[in-house]
Amino acid sequence: MRFRDGRHADPDALPLLLDAAPPAVLAVGEFASATLELTAHLRARPAPGWLACRATTRHLINGYHEEDFEIWDTKGILVAQGRQLAMLP
């Protein structure tokens, strides 16, 4: 992940990026979800360059799911973690 204009992510951008990717439920055919609650853990200042991201969910029950999101920088440092509760529209 990176900004379209090529600028590097800074700590202020990390909370935005934690919620910017397609939802983890895309893997089961759901194309959208709405965030109800988001907790962000900013762990380090990201190094310049692309960011590697991983989104996972373990439970989709009654239209609600949790999503865990990790952001790693080019040096392999975990720079941010997010956990959200979301629902399908």
N, C-alpha and C. Protein backbone atom coordinates (compact mmCIF):
# COMPACT_ATOMS: atom_id res chain seq x y z
N MET A 1 0.85 -1.16 0.00
CA MET A 1 0.00 0.00 0.00
C MET A 1 0.90 1.23 0.00
N ARG A 2 0.45 2.25 -0.68
CA ARG A 2 1.12 3.55 -0.64
C ARG A 2 0.15 4.60 -1.16
N PHE A 3 0.49 5.85 -0.98
CA PHE A 3 -0.34 6.93 -1.49
C PHE A 3 -0.15 7.03 -3.01
N ARG A 4 -1.21 7.35 -3.69
CA ARG A 4 -1.18 7.43 -5.15
C ARG A 4 -0.18 8.47 -5.65
N ASP A 5 -0.02 9.57 -4.91
CA ASP A 5 0.90 10.62 -5.34
C ASP A 5 2.36 10.31 -5.02
N GLY A 6 2.62 9.15 -4.42
CA GLY A 6 3.99 8.72 -4.15
C GLY A 6 4.58 9.20 -2.85
N ARG A 7 3.85 10.06 -2.11
CA ARG A 7 4.42 10.52 -0.83
C ARG A 7 4.47 9.36 0.15
N HIS A 8 5.39 9.47 1.08
CA HIS A 8 5.58 8.42 2.07
C HIS A 8 4.61 8.58 3.23
N ALA A 9 4.20 7.47 3.79
CA ALA A 9 3.31 7.50 4.95
C ALA A 9 4.08 7.98 6.17
N ASP A 10 3.41 8.74 7.02
CA ASP A 10 3.99 9.16 8.28
C ASP A 10 3.06 8.67 9.40
N PRO A 11 3.44 8.85 10.66
CA PRO A 11 2.58 8.35 11.74
C PRO A 11 1.16 8.91 11.71
N ASP A 12 0.98 10.14 11.25
CA ASP A 12 -0.36 10.72 11.18
C ASP A 12 -1.24 10.01 10.16
N ALA A 13 -0.65 9.39 9.15
CA ALA A 13 -1.42 8.72 8.10
C ALA A 13 -1.80 7.29 8.48
N LEU A 14 -1.10 6.70 9.44
CA LEU A 14 -1.34 5.29 9.76
C LEU A 14 -2.77 4.96 10.18
N PRO A 15 -3.43 5.77 11.02
CA PRO A 15 -4.83 5.43 11.35
C PRO A 15 -5.74 5.40 10.12
N LEU A 16 -5.53 6.31 9.20
CA LEU A 16 -6.30 6.31 7.96
C LEU A 16 -6.04 5.02 7.16
N LEU A 17 -4.78 4.65 7.05
CA LEU A 17 -4.43 3.47 6.26
C LEU A 17 -4.95 2.18 6.89
N LEU A 18 -5.10 2.16 8.21
CA LEU A 18 -5.64 0.96 8.87
C LEU A 18 -7.06 0.65 8.42
N ASP A 19 -7.77 1.64 7.90
CA ASP A 19 -9.16 1.43 7.48
C ASP A 19 -9.34 1.64 5.99
N ALA A 20 -8.26 1.73 5.21
CA ALA A 20 -8.37 2.09 3.80
C ALA A 20 -8.46 0.91 2.84
N ALA A 21 -8.09 -0.27 3.28
CA ALA A 21 -8.06 -1.44 2.39
C ALA A 21 -9.45 -2.04 2.22
N PRO A 22 -9.64 -2.83 1.17
CA PRO A 22 -10.90 -3.56 1.04
C PRO A 22 -11.12 -4.44 2.27
N PRO A 23 -12.37 -4.71 2.62
CA PRO A 23 -12.62 -5.49 3.84
C PRO A 23 -12.16 -6.94 3.71
N ALA A 24 -11.79 -7.52 4.83
CA ALA A 24 -11.33 -8.92 4.84
C ALA A 24 -12.43 -9.88 4.40
N VAL A 25 -13.69 -9.51 4.53
CA VAL A 25 -14.79 -10.39 4.12
C VAL A 25 -14.92 -10.48 2.60
N LEU A 26 -14.11 -9.74 1.86
CA LEU A 26 -14.09 -9.84 0.41
C LEU A 26 -13.79 -11.28 -0.01
N ALA A 27 -12.99 -11.98 0.77
CA ALA A 27 -12.61 -13.36 0.47
C ALA A 27 -13.81 -14.32 0.48
N VAL A 28 -14.89 -13.94 1.13
CA VAL A 28 -16.09 -14.79 1.16
C VAL A 28 -17.23 -14.20 0.33
N GLY A 29 -16.90 -13.25 -0.54
CA GLY A 29 -17.88 -12.72 -1.47
C GLY A 29 -18.65 -11.50 -1.01
N GLU A 30 -18.30 -10.93 0.12
CA GLU A 30 -18.93 -9.69 0.59
C GLU A 30 -18.05 -8.53 0.14
N PHE A 31 -18.65 -7.53 -0.50
CA PHE A 31 -17.86 -6.47 -1.12
C PHE A 31 -17.76 -5.19 -0.32
N ALA A 32 -18.46 -5.12 0.80
CA ALA A 32 -18.42 -3.90 1.60
C ALA A 32 -18.72 -4.24 3.05
N SER A 33 -18.23 -3.41 3.93
CA SER A 33 -18.59 -3.48 5.35
C SER A 33 -18.44 -2.08 5.93
N ALA A 34 -19.16 -1.83 7.00
CA ALA A 34 -19.13 -0.52 7.66
C ALA A 34 -18.48 -0.66 9.03
N THR A 35 -17.48 0.16 9.29
CA THR A 35 -16.78 0.14 10.57
C THR A 35 -17.67 0.70 11.67
N LEU A 36 -17.81 -0.06 12.75
CA LEU A 36 -18.54 0.40 13.92
C LEU A 36 -17.59 0.91 14.99
N GLU A 37 -16.46 0.25 15.13
CA GLU A 37 -15.47 0.63 16.14
C GLU A 37 -14.09 0.25 15.61
N LEU A 38 -13.12 1.13 15.78
CA LEU A 38 -11.75 0.86 15.32
C LEU A 38 -10.78 1.24 16.43
N THR A 39 -9.92 0.29 16.77
CA THR A 39 -8.83 0.55 17.72
C THR A 39 -7.53 0.51 16.94
N ALA A 40 -6.70 1.52 17.08
CA ALA A 40 -5.44 1.62 16.35
C ALA A 40 -4.27 1.62 17.32
N HIS A 41 -3.27 0.82 17.00
CA HIS A 41 -2.02 0.80 17.76
C HIS A 41 -0.90 1.23 16.82
N LEU A 42 -0.34 2.41 17.06
CA LEU A 42 0.77 2.90 16.25
C LEU A 42 2.05 2.52 16.97
N ARG A 43 2.87 1.70 16.32
CA ARG A 43 4.01 1.09 16.99
C ARG A 43 5.35 1.70 16.61
N ALA A 44 5.46 2.29 15.42
CA ALA A 44 6.75 2.85 14.98
C ALA A 44 6.52 3.80 13.82
N ARG A 45 7.50 4.67 13.57
CA ARG A 45 7.46 5.55 12.41
C ARG A 45 7.85 4.70 11.19
N PRO A 46 7.01 4.69 10.13
CA PRO A 46 7.33 3.85 8.98
C PRO A 46 8.51 4.37 8.17
N ALA A 47 9.33 3.45 7.69
CA ALA A 47 10.42 3.80 6.78
C ALA A 47 9.81 4.21 5.44
N PRO A 48 10.49 5.04 4.66
CA PRO A 48 9.97 5.43 3.35
C PRO A 48 9.76 4.21 2.45
N GLY A 49 8.76 4.30 1.58
CA GLY A 49 8.51 3.24 0.61
C GLY A 49 7.15 2.58 0.80
N TRP A 50 6.97 1.50 0.07
CA TRP A 50 5.73 0.73 0.12
C TRP A 50 5.50 0.16 1.51
N LEU A 51 4.23 -0.07 1.83
CA LEU A 51 3.84 -0.71 3.08
C LEU A 51 3.18 -2.05 2.75
N ALA A 52 3.57 -3.08 3.48
CA ALA A 52 2.95 -4.40 3.33
C ALA A 52 1.83 -4.50 4.35
N CYS A 53 0.69 -5.02 3.92
CA CYS A 53 -0.48 -5.06 4.79
C CYS A 53 -1.11 -6.45 4.79
N ARG A 54 -1.71 -6.78 5.91
CA ARG A 54 -2.43 -8.05 6.03
C ARG A 54 -3.73 -7.81 6.78
N ALA A 55 -4.85 -8.24 6.17
CA ALA A 55 -6.17 -8.13 6.80
C ALA A 55 -6.72 -9.53 7.00
N THR A 56 -7.22 -9.79 8.20
CA THR A 56 -7.81 -11.10 8.49
C THR A 56 -9.10 -10.92 9.28
N THR A 57 -9.96 -11.90 9.15
CA THR A 57 -11.15 -11.99 9.98
C THR A 57 -11.37 -13.46 10.30
N ARG A 58 -11.89 -13.74 11.47
CA ARG A 58 -12.12 -15.12 11.87
C ARG A 58 -13.60 -15.43 12.02
N HIS A 59 -14.42 -14.42 12.24
CA HIS A 59 -15.82 -14.67 12.53
C HIS A 59 -16.72 -13.72 11.75
N LEU A 60 -17.69 -14.27 11.05
CA LEU A 60 -18.75 -13.50 10.40
C LEU A 60 -20.06 -14.10 10.88
N ILE A 61 -20.67 -13.43 11.84
CA ILE A 61 -21.86 -13.96 12.51
C ILE A 61 -22.95 -12.89 12.52
N ASN A 62 -24.12 -13.23 12.01
CA ASN A 62 -25.27 -12.32 12.02
C ASN A 62 -24.95 -10.95 11.40
N GLY A 63 -24.11 -10.94 10.38
CA GLY A 63 -23.78 -9.70 9.69
C GLY A 63 -22.68 -8.88 10.30
N TYR A 64 -22.11 -9.33 11.42
CA TYR A 64 -21.00 -8.63 12.08
C TYR A 64 -19.71 -9.43 11.92
N HIS A 65 -18.62 -8.74 11.85
CA HIS A 65 -17.31 -9.41 11.81
C HIS A 65 -16.26 -8.52 12.45
N GLU A 66 -15.21 -9.16 12.94
CA GLU A 66 -14.05 -8.42 13.43
C GLU A 66 -13.01 -8.46 12.31
N GLU A 67 -12.16 -7.46 12.27
CA GLU A 67 -11.09 -7.44 11.28
C GLU A 67 -9.82 -6.97 11.96
N ASP A 68 -8.76 -7.75 11.77
CA ASP A 68 -7.44 -7.38 12.27
C ASP A 68 -6.61 -6.95 11.07
N PHE A 69 -5.90 -5.85 11.20
CA PHE A 69 -5.12 -5.29 10.09
C PHE A 69 -3.73 -4.94 10.60
N GLU A 70 -2.72 -5.34 9.85
CA GLU A 70 -1.32 -5.06 10.20
C GLU A 70 -0.67 -4.31 9.06
N ILE A 71 0.19 -3.37 9.40
CA ILE A 71 0.97 -2.62 8.41
C ILE A 71 2.45 -2.77 8.76
N TRP A 72 3.22 -3.22 7.78
CA TRP A 72 4.66 -3.44 7.91
C TRP A 72 5.38 -2.52 6.93
N ASP A 73 6.52 -1.95 7.34
CA ASP A 73 7.26 -1.06 6.44
C ASP A 73 8.32 -1.84 5.66
N THR A 74 9.10 -1.12 4.85
CA THR A 74 10.09 -1.76 3.97
C THR A 74 11.24 -2.40 4.73
N LYS A 75 11.41 -2.05 6.00
CA LYS A 75 12.45 -2.67 6.82
C LYS A 75 11.95 -3.90 7.56
N GLY A 76 10.67 -4.26 7.34
CA GLY A 76 10.09 -5.41 8.02
C GLY A 76 9.62 -5.13 9.43
N ILE A 77 9.42 -3.85 9.75
CA ILE A 77 8.97 -3.45 11.08
C ILE A 77 7.44 -3.33 11.09
N LEU A 78 6.80 -3.92 12.09
CA LEU A 78 5.36 -3.75 12.27
C LEU A 78 5.14 -2.32 12.78
N VAL A 79 4.54 -1.46 11.97
CA VAL A 79 4.39 -0.05 12.33
C VAL A 79 2.99 0.28 12.86
N ALA A 80 1.99 -0.53 12.52
CA ALA A 80 0.64 -0.25 13.01
C ALA A 80 -0.21 -1.52 13.01
N GLN A 81 -1.11 -1.58 13.97
CA GLN A 81 -2.08 -2.66 14.06
C GLN A 81 -3.45 -2.03 14.28
N GLY A 82 -4.46 -2.62 13.68
CA GLY A 82 -5.81 -2.15 13.89
C GLY A 82 -6.75 -3.32 14.11
N ARG A 83 -7.74 -3.11 14.95
CA ARG A 83 -8.80 -4.10 15.14
C ARG A 83 -10.10 -3.34 15.07
N GLN A 84 -11.00 -3.87 14.27
CA GLN A 84 -12.29 -3.19 14.16
C GLN A 84 -13.43 -4.18 14.22
N LEU A 85 -14.54 -3.67 14.69
CA LEU A 85 -15.80 -4.38 14.61
C LEU A 85 -16.54 -3.73 13.46
N ALA A 86 -17.06 -4.54 12.55
CA ALA A 86 -17.73 -4.01 11.37
C ALA A 86 -18.99 -4.82 11.09
N MET A 87 -19.86 -4.25 10.29
CA MET A 87 -21.07 -4.97 9.90
C MET A 87 -21.27 -4.87 8.40
N LEU A 88 -21.95 -5.86 7.87
CA LEU A 88 -22.28 -5.83 6.46
C LEU A 88 -23.44 -4.88 6.23
N PRO A 89 -23.45 -4.17 5.11
CA PRO A 89 -24.55 -3.23 4.86
C PRO A 89 -25.88 -3.95 4.60
